[in-house]
């Protein structure tokens, strides 16, 4: 660096003094015209050589040490970013209009009779407030009948358990008796072998005892097999009763839940738009009874070009841009028909009561074509391409260090870093600073 400063400082001064000397020499008396002309040509050639060599020296200096900051503009200053961790997404632009979210249609839960209408159309209701009461006597009767049957089944199960215990005791007793008989016969056989040796009994008597032992052992084996089968039968009977009890418990829970639905309640705060039916009128299951609208929360009716239909799926993420604020939402219902090459869909917001939302307000939407959460990322830049491996410079103790970095998806704001960088490192986004440069080192 000092060498470059010396060259820049002394080179123009040497050239200036040399040219001044030539000019003074030309003014000396006694020089003829031919000599002056020759000296002028030499001076021009010298100036050209000096200028050309100056450019060559400056080029070499700038390549080695960098460009002095006084030759640069403010638009060429360093641009850097810090590697952090977060979401990277690729958006597709769409448009939308703000609409009330909770315009709810409420249906009859079962075949019943309208017993009482407690709120009329135009009335304001709070969440959980009863609007219509349906007749509940048939459902209560069914609940009572199932409860009685369930109690009988539970008693049967308890009785079966007690009978099973008694049967196990009897089976175990029979096995013990058979084992004792075998032990007795074996003892008898031992005594008869001793008597036979001294001629106290005949061999026929001993053969009979052996036969009795074989029959007793077979009898024990058969009893054990029968006992195992009987125990399995008792277990199967108990499991059958358990299953019947569980089925009836489920039926009881369903009827109890149905009983609670017979009092049709407001799902949220709002205004009743319509009530179908009159008191005393029979209604069938799934008949529309009530329509409620809620102006405190909102949804977005979105429109997107038909060519992006593959990215419009229920549950897909969407960003809503309103009043310089980005709100998160997800796609709900999608209209199956296409109108004017546009697809219509609903967007449900995480915070649907945002004060920046106004009914019928036109806003911009970003449908996420692709996204990744909690990944390493850098700010998106024109110098970095998506899904490529390229050399990127990182600042390390004031010096640029080259890195071979594997880059992933690229969105408007951020780009994914798959490998090659660590969280917290500083990445150079533009050309290096226009001061005397330190040497770039490879990593």
Protein backbone atom coordinates (compact mmCIF):
# COMPACT_ATOMS: atom_id res chain seq x y z
CA UNK A 1 0.00 0.00 0.00
CA UNK A 2 2.82 2.43 0.84
CA UNK A 3 4.54 1.56 -2.44
CA UNK A 4 1.42 2.48 -4.40
CA UNK A 5 1.12 5.81 -2.58
CA UNK A 6 4.78 6.63 -3.36
CA UNK A 7 4.27 5.93 -7.08
CA UNK A 8 1.09 8.04 -7.24
CA UNK A 9 2.76 10.88 -5.35
CA UNK A 10 6.12 11.09 -7.22
CA UNK A 11 5.24 9.93 -10.75
CA UNK A 12 3.33 13.11 -11.87
CA UNK A 13 5.93 15.37 -10.22
CA UNK A 14 8.84 13.72 -12.06
CA UNK A 15 6.93 14.03 -15.32
CA UNK A 16 6.13 17.70 -14.61
CA UNK A 17 9.74 18.62 -13.81
CA UNK A 18 11.01 16.79 -16.91
CA UNK A 19 8.59 18.59 -19.23
CA UNK A 20 9.48 21.95 -17.62
CA UNK A 21 13.14 21.20 -18.28
CA UNK A 22 12.44 20.51 -21.99
CA UNK A 23 10.50 23.77 -22.27
CA UNK A 24 13.34 25.75 -20.73
CA UNK A 25 15.85 24.00 -23.01
CA UNK A 26 13.84 25.02 -26.07
CA UNK A 27 14.05 28.67 -25.05
CA UNK A 28 17.88 28.71 -25.01
CA UNK A 29 19.41 31.18 -27.57
CA UNK A 30 21.38 29.86 -30.51
CA UNK A 31 19.20 26.87 -31.30
CA UNK A 32 18.24 26.62 -34.97
CA UNK A 33 14.71 25.84 -36.20
CA UNK A 34 15.54 22.21 -37.11
CA UNK A 35 16.86 21.53 -33.61
CA UNK A 36 13.80 23.13 -31.99
CA UNK A 37 11.49 21.06 -34.24
CA UNK A 38 13.35 17.87 -33.35
CA UNK A 39 13.14 18.71 -29.66
CA UNK A 40 9.39 19.42 -29.97
CA UNK A 41 8.80 16.02 -31.57
CA UNK A 42 10.79 14.36 -28.83
CA UNK A 43 8.79 16.26 -26.21
CA UNK A 44 5.45 15.12 -27.76
CA UNK A 45 6.63 11.55 -27.96
CA UNK A 46 7.83 11.73 -24.37
CA UNK A 47 4.48 13.11 -23.18
CA UNK A 48 2.60 10.33 -24.98
CA UNK A 49 4.89 7.71 -23.46
CA UNK A 50 4.48 9.25 -20.00
CA UNK A 51 0.67 9.33 -20.29
CA UNK A 52 0.47 5.74 -21.56
CA UNK A 53 2.81 4.46 -18.86
CA UNK A 54 0.78 6.36 -16.24
CA UNK A 55 -2.39 4.57 -17.33
CA UNK A 56 -0.60 1.20 -17.26
CA UNK A 57 0.75 1.86 -13.76
CA UNK A 58 -2.65 2.99 -12.48
CA UNK A 59 -4.29 -0.12 -13.93
CA UNK A 60 -1.74 -2.39 -12.23
CA UNK A 61 -2.11 -0.53 -8.91
CA UNK A 62 -5.91 -0.70 -9.01
CA UNK A 63 -5.85 -4.43 -9.81
CA UNK A 64 -3.48 -5.14 -6.94
CA UNK A 65 -4.62 -2.73 -4.24
CA UNK A 66 -8.13 -1.64 -5.26
CA UNK A 67 -9.64 1.64 -6.40
CA UNK A 68 -9.20 4.72 -4.19
CA UNK A 69 -12.43 5.75 -2.54
CA UNK A 70 -12.27 9.25 -4.04
CA UNK A 71 -12.91 7.73 -7.52
CA UNK A 72 -16.13 6.04 -6.48
CA UNK A 73 -19.74 7.18 -6.01
CA UNK A 74 -22.03 6.57 -3.04
CA UNK A 75 -24.15 4.14 -5.09
CA UNK A 76 -21.20 1.71 -5.17
CA UNK A 77 -20.85 1.33 -1.40
CA UNK A 78 -20.68 -2.06 0.30
CA UNK A 79 -23.97 -3.98 0.65
CA UNK A 80 -23.98 -6.88 3.09
CA UNK A 81 -26.44 -9.05 4.95
CA UNK A 82 -26.27 -11.37 7.97
CA UNK A 83 -27.05 -15.06 7.56
CA UNK A 84 -30.03 -15.82 9.78
CA UNK A 85 -32.69 -18.49 10.15
CA UNK A 86 -36.34 -18.18 9.16
CA UNK A 87 -38.89 -18.72 6.40
CA UNK A 88 -38.17 -18.57 2.67
CA UNK A 89 -41.09 -18.56 0.23
CA UNK A 90 -41.85 -18.09 -3.45
CA UNK A 91 -45.07 -16.06 -3.88
CA UNK A 92 -47.59 -15.79 -6.72
CA UNK A 93 -49.36 -12.44 -6.96
CA UNK A 94 -53.16 -12.42 -6.65
CA UNK A 95 -55.90 -9.96 -5.70
CA UNK A 96 -58.71 -10.04 -3.19
CA UNK A 97 -61.66 -8.26 -1.57
CA UNK A 98 -62.44 -8.13 2.16
CA UNK A 99 -65.74 -9.77 3.18
CA UNK A 100 -67.43 -10.57 6.52
CA UNK A 101 -66.15 -13.92 7.74
CA UNK A 102 -68.90 -15.38 9.88
CA UNK A 103 -71.94 -15.48 7.65
CA UNK A 104 -73.04 -18.82 9.04
CA UNK A 105 -75.88 -21.10 7.93
CA UNK A 106 -77.17 -23.27 10.79
CA UNK A 107 -79.01 -26.54 10.04
CA UNK A 108 -81.39 -28.74 12.01
CA UNK A 109 -79.38 -31.52 13.71
CA UNK A 110 -82.19 -34.11 13.43
CA UNK A 111 -85.87 -34.62 12.63
CA UNK A 112 -87.70 -32.66 15.29
CA UNK A 113 -90.28 -30.01 16.14
CA UNK A 114 -89.60 -26.29 16.65
CA UNK A 115 -90.57 -25.78 20.26
CA UNK A 116 -89.58 -22.13 20.71
CA UNK A 117 -87.97 -19.31 18.70
CA UNK A 118 -86.12 -17.09 21.18
CA UNK A 119 -84.55 -14.58 18.74
CA UNK A 120 -86.08 -12.97 15.68
CA UNK A 121 -84.31 -11.81 12.46
CA UNK A 122 -82.40 -8.56 13.00
CA UNK A 123 -81.64 -9.36 16.62
CA UNK A 124 -78.05 -9.11 17.84
CA UNK A 125 -76.85 -12.25 19.65
CA UNK A 126 -73.78 -13.18 21.63
CA UNK A 127 -71.74 -16.34 21.18
CA UNK A 128 -73.46 -19.31 22.87
CA UNK A 129 -76.87 -17.63 23.15
CA UNK A 130 -79.85 -19.90 22.31
CA UNK A 131 -81.78 -18.87 19.17
CA UNK A 132 -84.13 -21.85 18.62
CA UNK A 133 -85.20 -24.65 20.96
CA UNK A 134 -86.19 -27.95 19.32
CA UNK A 135 -88.33 -30.60 21.03
CA UNK A 136 -86.10 -32.81 23.19
CA UNK A 137 -88.56 -35.36 24.73
CA UNK A 138 -87.95 -38.17 22.18
CA UNK A 139 -84.20 -37.82 22.59
CA UNK A 140 -84.45 -37.82 26.40
CA UNK A 141 -86.56 -41.00 26.23
CA UNK A 142 -83.92 -42.70 24.09
CA UNK A 143 -81.19 -41.62 26.51
CA UNK A 144 -83.15 -43.16 29.42
CA UNK A 145 -83.70 -46.42 27.53
CA UNK A 146 -80.02 -46.75 26.57
CA UNK A 147 -78.96 -45.96 30.16
CA UNK A 148 -81.18 -48.79 31.47
CA UNK A 149 -79.78 -51.24 28.92
CA UNK A 150 -76.27 -50.18 29.77
CA UNK A 151 -76.87 -50.81 33.48
CA UNK A 152 -78.20 -54.32 32.72
CA UNK A 153 -75.14 -55.09 30.60
CA UNK A 154 -72.80 -53.88 33.37
CA UNK A 155 -74.59 -56.17 35.87
CA UNK A 156 -74.27 -59.09 33.45
CA UNK A 157 -70.56 -58.40 33.09
CA UNK A 158 -70.09 -58.37 36.86
CA UNK A 159 -72.03 -61.63 37.21
CA UNK A 160 -69.96 -63.19 34.44
CA UNK A 161 -66.76 -62.20 36.23
CA UNK A 162 -67.98 -63.85 39.49
CA UNK A 163 -69.06 -67.02 37.65
CA UNK A 164 -65.69 -67.10 35.97
CA UNK A 165 -63.92 -66.96 39.30
CA UNK A 166 -66.06 -69.84 40.64
CA UNK A 167 -65.43 -71.89 37.50
CA UNK A 168 -61.69 -71.36 37.81
CA UNK A 169 -61.80 -72.61 41.43
CA UNK A 170 -63.71 -75.76 40.36
CA UNK A 171 -61.35 -76.39 37.46
CA UNK A 172 -58.29 -75.98 39.64
CA UNK A 173 -59.81 -78.35 42.24
CA UNK A 174 -60.45 -81.05 39.63
CA UNK A 175 -56.86 -80.77 38.41
CA UNK A 176 -55.52 -81.15 41.94
CA UNK A 177 -57.71 -84.24 42.55
CA UNK A 178 -56.42 -85.85 39.35
CA UNK A 179 -52.84 -85.12 40.32
CA UNK A 180 -53.35 -86.64 43.80
CA UNK A 181 -54.86 -89.80 42.26
CA UNK A 182 -51.82 -90.18 40.01
CA UNK A 183 -49.49 -89.73 42.99
CA UNK A 184 -51.46 -92.39 44.91
CA UNK A 185 -51.31 -94.89 42.04
CA UNK A 186 -47.57 -94.34 41.66
CA UNK A 187 -47.09 -95.05 45.36
CA UNK A 188 -49.24 -98.19 45.07
CA UNK A 189 -47.22 -99.32 42.07
CA UNK A 190 -43.98 -98.96 44.06
CA UNK A 191 -45.38 -101.11 46.88
CA UNK A 192 -46.59 -103.77 44.46
CA UNK A 193 -43.15 -103.95 42.82
CA UNK A 194 -41.66 -104.79 46.23
CA UNK A 195 -44.37 -107.40 46.93
CA UNK A 196 -43.88 -108.93 43.52
CA UNK A 197 -40.20 -109.36 44.22
CA UNK A 198 -40.97 -111.54 47.28
CA UNK A 199 -43.92 -113.31 45.63
CA UNK A 200 -46.60 -111.45 47.64
CA UNK A 201 -48.75 -110.58 44.57
CA UNK A 202 -49.17 -111.74 41.04
CA UNK A 203 -47.77 -109.93 38.03
CA UNK A 204 -51.36 -109.49 36.70
CA UNK A 205 -52.21 -107.35 39.69
CA UNK A 206 -49.19 -105.13 39.02
CA UNK A 207 -50.11 -104.81 35.33
CA UNK A 208 -53.58 -103.66 36.33
CA UNK A 209 -52.05 -100.95 38.55
CA UNK A 210 -49.84 -99.75 35.70
CA UNK A 211 -52.89 -99.57 33.45
CA UNK A 212 -54.71 -97.50 36.05
CA UNK A 213 -51.74 -95.09 36.18
CA UNK A 214 -51.79 -94.61 32.41
CA UNK A 215 -55.56 -93.94 32.43
CA UNK A 216 -55.18 -91.43 35.33
CA UNK A 217 -52.46 -89.51 33.47
CA UNK A 218 -54.59 -89.37 30.30
CA UNK A 219 -57.54 -88.22 32.38
CA UNK A 220 -55.42 -85.39 33.86
CA UNK A 221 -54.24 -84.33 30.39
CA UNK A 222 -57.85 -84.23 29.10
CA UNK A 223 -58.99 -82.20 32.13
CA UNK A 224 -56.21 -79.66 31.56
CA UNK A 225 -57.18 -79.23 27.88
CA UNK A 226 -60.88 -78.88 28.76
CA UNK A 227 -60.03 -76.32 31.43
CA UNK A 228 -58.01 -74.25 28.95
CA UNK A 229 -60.91 -74.26 26.49
CA UNK A 230 -63.39 -73.33 29.20
CA UNK A 231 -61.22 -70.42 30.36
CA UNK A 232 -61.02 -69.12 26.79
CA UNK A 233 -64.82 -69.37 26.49
CA UNK A 234 -65.29 -67.36 29.67
CA UNK A 235 -62.78 -64.75 28.42
CA UNK A 236 -64.63 -64.51 25.10
CA UNK A 237 -67.96 -64.05 26.88
CA UNK A 238 -66.52 -61.25 29.00
CA UNK A 239 -65.03 -59.55 25.92
CA UNK A 240 -68.41 -59.78 24.19
CA UNK A 241 -70.08 -58.05 27.14
CA UNK A 242 -67.34 -55.38 27.16
CA UNK A 243 -67.96 -54.74 23.46
CA UNK A 244 -71.72 -54.43 23.95
CA UNK A 245 -71.15 -52.01 26.82
CA UNK A 246 -68.76 -49.85 24.75
CA UNK A 247 -71.24 -49.71 21.86
CA UNK A 248 -74.03 -48.58 24.15
CA UNK A 249 -71.76 -46.04 25.84
CA UNK A 250 -71.04 -44.56 22.41
CA UNK A 251 -74.77 -44.52 21.61
CA UNK A 252 -75.43 -42.78 24.90
CA UNK A 253 -72.70 -40.18 24.20
CA UNK A 254 -74.13 -39.53 20.72
CA UNK A 255 -77.65 -39.05 22.07
CA UNK A 256 -76.36 -36.80 24.86
CA UNK A 257 -74.49 -34.69 22.29
CA UNK A 258 -77.62 -34.56 20.13
CA UNK A 259 -79.60 -33.35 23.14
CA UNK A 260 -77.22 -30.41 23.55
CA UNK A 261 -77.59 -29.57 19.84
CA UNK A 262 -81.37 -29.32 20.12
CA UNK A 263 -80.78 -25.90 21.70
CA UNK A 264 -79.40 -24.16 18.60
CA UNK A 265 -76.89 -21.56 19.77
CA UNK A 266 -75.06 -18.69 18.07
CA UNK A 267 -71.53 -19.80 17.10
CA UNK A 268 -70.22 -16.24 17.50
CA UNK A 269 -71.33 -12.69 18.16
CA UNK A 270 -73.39 -11.32 15.29
CA UNK A 271 -76.73 -10.36 13.80
CA UNK A 272 -79.47 -12.82 12.79
CA UNK A 273 -80.28 -12.41 9.11
CA UNK A 274 -83.03 -15.02 8.79
CA UNK A 275 -84.94 -17.69 10.71
CA UNK A 276 -86.75 -20.43 8.78
CA UNK A 277 -89.86 -22.08 10.21
CA UNK A 278 -92.39 -21.31 12.92
CA UNK A 279 -93.04 -22.59 16.42
CA UNK A 280 -94.75 -25.99 16.30
CA UNK A 281 -93.52 -26.73 12.77
CA UNK A 282 -91.81 -30.04 12.04
CA UNK A 283 -88.31 -29.81 10.54
CA UNK A 284 -86.26 -32.52 8.88
CA UNK A 285 -82.60 -33.24 9.50
CA UNK A 286 -80.16 -30.79 7.82
CA UNK A 287 -82.87 -28.25 7.00
CA UNK A 288 -81.58 -24.64 7.04
CA UNK A 289 -82.93 -22.84 10.12
CA UNK A 290 -80.78 -19.75 10.80
CA UNK A 291 -78.40 -17.41 8.97
CA UNK A 292 -76.04 -15.19 11.04
CA UNK A 293 -73.56 -12.55 9.89
CA UNK A 294 -70.63 -11.23 11.93
CA UNK A 295 -68.99 -7.90 10.99
CA UNK A 296 -66.29 -8.10 13.66
CA UNK A 297 -64.16 -10.60 11.77
CA UNK A 298 -63.36 -10.87 8.09
CA UNK A 299 -62.19 -13.19 5.35
CA UNK A 300 -60.76 -12.50 1.89
CA UNK A 301 -62.38 -13.45 -1.41
CA UNK A 302 -59.36 -14.01 -3.64
CA UNK A 303 -58.89 -14.13 -7.42
CA UNK A 304 -55.92 -15.67 -9.21
CA UNK A 305 -55.06 -16.45 -12.82
CA UNK A 306 -56.23 -19.86 -13.99
CA UNK A 307 -52.69 -20.92 -14.96
CA UNK A 308 -51.75 -21.01 -11.26
CA UNK A 309 -54.61 -23.36 -10.35
CA UNK A 310 -52.21 -26.12 -9.20
CA UNK A 311 -51.08 -23.90 -6.31
CA UNK A 312 -54.61 -23.08 -5.12
CA UNK A 313 -55.32 -25.91 -2.67
CA UNK A 314 -57.34 -25.89 0.54
CA UNK A 315 -55.00 -25.21 3.45
CA UNK A 316 -52.20 -23.61 1.39
CA UNK A 317 -50.61 -20.52 2.95
CA UNK A 318 -51.41 -17.00 1.73
CA UNK A 319 -50.03 -13.58 2.73
CA UNK A 320 -52.46 -10.65 2.72
CA UNK A 321 -50.97 -7.17 2.16
CA UNK A 322 -53.07 -4.32 3.58
CA UNK A 323 -52.02 -0.88 4.82
CA UNK A 324 -48.29 -1.77 4.72
CA UNK A 325 -48.98 -4.80 6.90
CA UNK A 326 -48.48 -8.46 5.98
CA UNK A 327 -51.07 -10.85 7.46
CA UNK A 328 -50.97 -14.65 7.34
CA UNK A 329 -53.88 -16.78 6.19
CA UNK A 330 -54.82 -20.05 4.51
CA UNK A 331 -57.00 -21.02 1.56
CA UNK A 332 -60.48 -22.29 2.44
CA UNK A 333 -63.28 -23.02 -0.04
CA UNK A 334 -62.40 -22.92 -3.75
CA UNK A 335 -65.03 -22.17 -6.41
CA UNK A 336 -64.92 -25.06 -8.91
CA UNK A 337 -65.85 -22.90 -11.92
CA UNK A 338 -63.55 -20.50 -13.82
CA UNK A 339 -64.74 -16.99 -14.72
CA UNK A 340 -62.76 -14.61 -17.00
CA UNK A 341 -59.73 -16.94 -16.68
CA UNK A 342 -59.77 -16.39 -12.91
CA UNK A 343 -60.21 -18.84 -10.03
CA UNK A 344 -62.08 -17.66 -6.92
CA UNK A 345 -61.19 -18.83 -3.42
CA UNK A 346 -61.61 -17.80 0.22
CA UNK A 347 -58.73 -16.88 2.53
CA UNK A 348 -59.17 -17.32 6.29
CA UNK A 349 -56.83 -15.12 8.34
CA UNK A 350 -54.99 -16.02 11.52
CA UNK A 351 -56.13 -12.69 13.00
CA UNK A 352 -59.44 -12.05 11.29
CA UNK A 353 -60.30 -9.03 13.46
CA UNK A 354 -57.39 -6.90 12.24
CA UNK A 355 -58.44 -3.19 12.40
CA UNK A 356 -56.87 -2.49 8.99
CA UNK A 357 -59.49 -4.65 7.27
CA UNK A 358 -62.56 -2.88 5.88
CA UNK A 359 -65.50 -4.55 4.08
CA UNK A 360 -65.21 -4.41 0.25
CA UNK A 361 -61.59 -3.24 0.50
CA UNK A 362 -59.38 -4.32 -2.44
CA UNK A 363 -56.05 -5.77 -1.34
CA UNK A 364 -53.07 -7.70 -2.73
CA UNK A 365 -52.49 -11.37 -2.01
CA UNK A 366 -49.43 -13.59 -2.20
CA UNK A 367 -50.21 -17.27 -2.69
CA UNK A 368 -47.19 -19.33 -1.65
CA UNK A 369 -45.95 -21.46 -4.54
CA UNK A 370 -43.27 -23.00 -2.34
CA UNK A 371 -41.95 -22.32 1.16
CA UNK A 372 -39.58 -23.66 3.78
CA UNK A 373 -39.60 -22.85 7.49
CA UNK A 374 -36.66 -22.45 9.87
CA UNK A 375 -33.90 -22.65 7.24
CA UNK A 376 -30.66 -20.70 6.86
CA UNK A 377 -31.26 -17.72 4.57
CA UNK A 378 -29.76 -14.56 3.10
CA UNK A 379 -31.39 -11.53 1.51
CA UNK A 380 -32.41 -12.16 -2.09
CA UNK A 381 -29.98 -10.60 -4.56
CA UNK A 382 -29.64 -10.53 -8.35
CA UNK A 383 -26.10 -11.91 -8.05
CA UNK A 384 -27.37 -15.16 -6.50
CA UNK A 385 -29.28 -17.74 -8.53
CA UNK A 386 -31.80 -20.26 -7.21
CA UNK A 387 -30.89 -23.92 -6.74
CA UNK A 388 -27.24 -23.47 -7.74
CA UNK A 389 -23.75 -23.82 -6.28
CA UNK A 390 -21.67 -20.66 -6.61
CA UNK A 391 -18.88 -18.70 -4.97
CA UNK A 392 -19.99 -16.11 -2.39
CA UNK A 393 -17.78 -13.75 -0.38
CA UNK A 394 -17.99 -13.49 3.40
CA UNK A 395 -16.45 -10.78 5.57
CA UNK A 396 -13.95 -12.22 8.04
CA UNK A 397 -11.89 -9.76 10.12
CA UNK A 398 -12.24 -7.08 7.44
CA UNK A 399 -11.23 -9.38 4.60
CA UNK A 400 -13.26 -11.11 1.92
CA UNK A 401 -13.23 -14.89 2.20
CA UNK A 402 -14.63 -16.89 -0.74
CA UNK A 403 -17.02 -19.72 0.00
CA UNK A 404 -18.57 -22.34 -2.26
CA UNK A 405 -22.21 -22.13 -1.23
CA UNK A 406 -25.13 -24.39 -2.16
CA UNK A 407 -28.23 -22.19 -2.60
CA UNK A 408 -31.86 -23.36 -2.57
CA UNK A 409 -35.18 -21.73 -3.39
CA UNK A 410 -35.31 -17.96 -3.92
CA UNK A 411 -38.17 -15.66 -3.03
CA UNK A 412 -38.74 -11.91 -3.24
CA UNK A 413 -37.15 -11.19 0.14
CA UNK A 414 -34.91 -14.11 1.05
CA UNK A 415 -33.02 -17.03 -0.47
CA UNK A 416 -32.38 -20.41 1.14
CA UNK A 417 -28.83 -21.47 2.05
CA UNK A 418 -28.46 -25.27 1.97
CA UNK A 419 -24.77 -25.46 2.90
CA UNK A 420 -21.54 -23.43 2.92
CA UNK A 421 -22.57 -20.65 5.35
CA UNK A 422 -23.21 -20.44 9.08
CA UNK A 423 -25.76 -18.43 10.99
CA UNK A 424 -24.45 -14.97 11.96
CA UNK A 425 -21.87 -14.66 9.15
CA UNK A 426 -21.80 -11.48 7.04
CA UNK A 427 -22.26 -12.00 3.30
CA UNK A 428 -21.19 -9.48 0.64
CA UNK A 429 -24.13 -8.70 -1.65
CA UNK A 430 -22.46 -6.10 -3.95
CA UNK A 431 -18.93 -5.13 -5.09
CA UNK A 432 -16.35 -4.66 -2.34
CA UNK A 433 -15.76 -1.27 -0.68
CA UNK A 434 -13.89 1.23 -2.85
CA UNK A 435 -10.92 1.83 -0.56
CA UNK A 436 -7.47 0.32 -0.73
CA UNK A 437 -8.36 -3.31 -0.73
CA UNK A 438 -7.02 -6.10 1.45
CA UNK A 439 -6.15 -9.36 -0.27
CA UNK A 440 -8.95 -11.83 -0.74
CA UNK A 441 -8.13 -15.19 0.77
CA UNK A 442 -9.61 -18.48 -0.30
CA UNK A 443 -11.43 -20.70 2.21
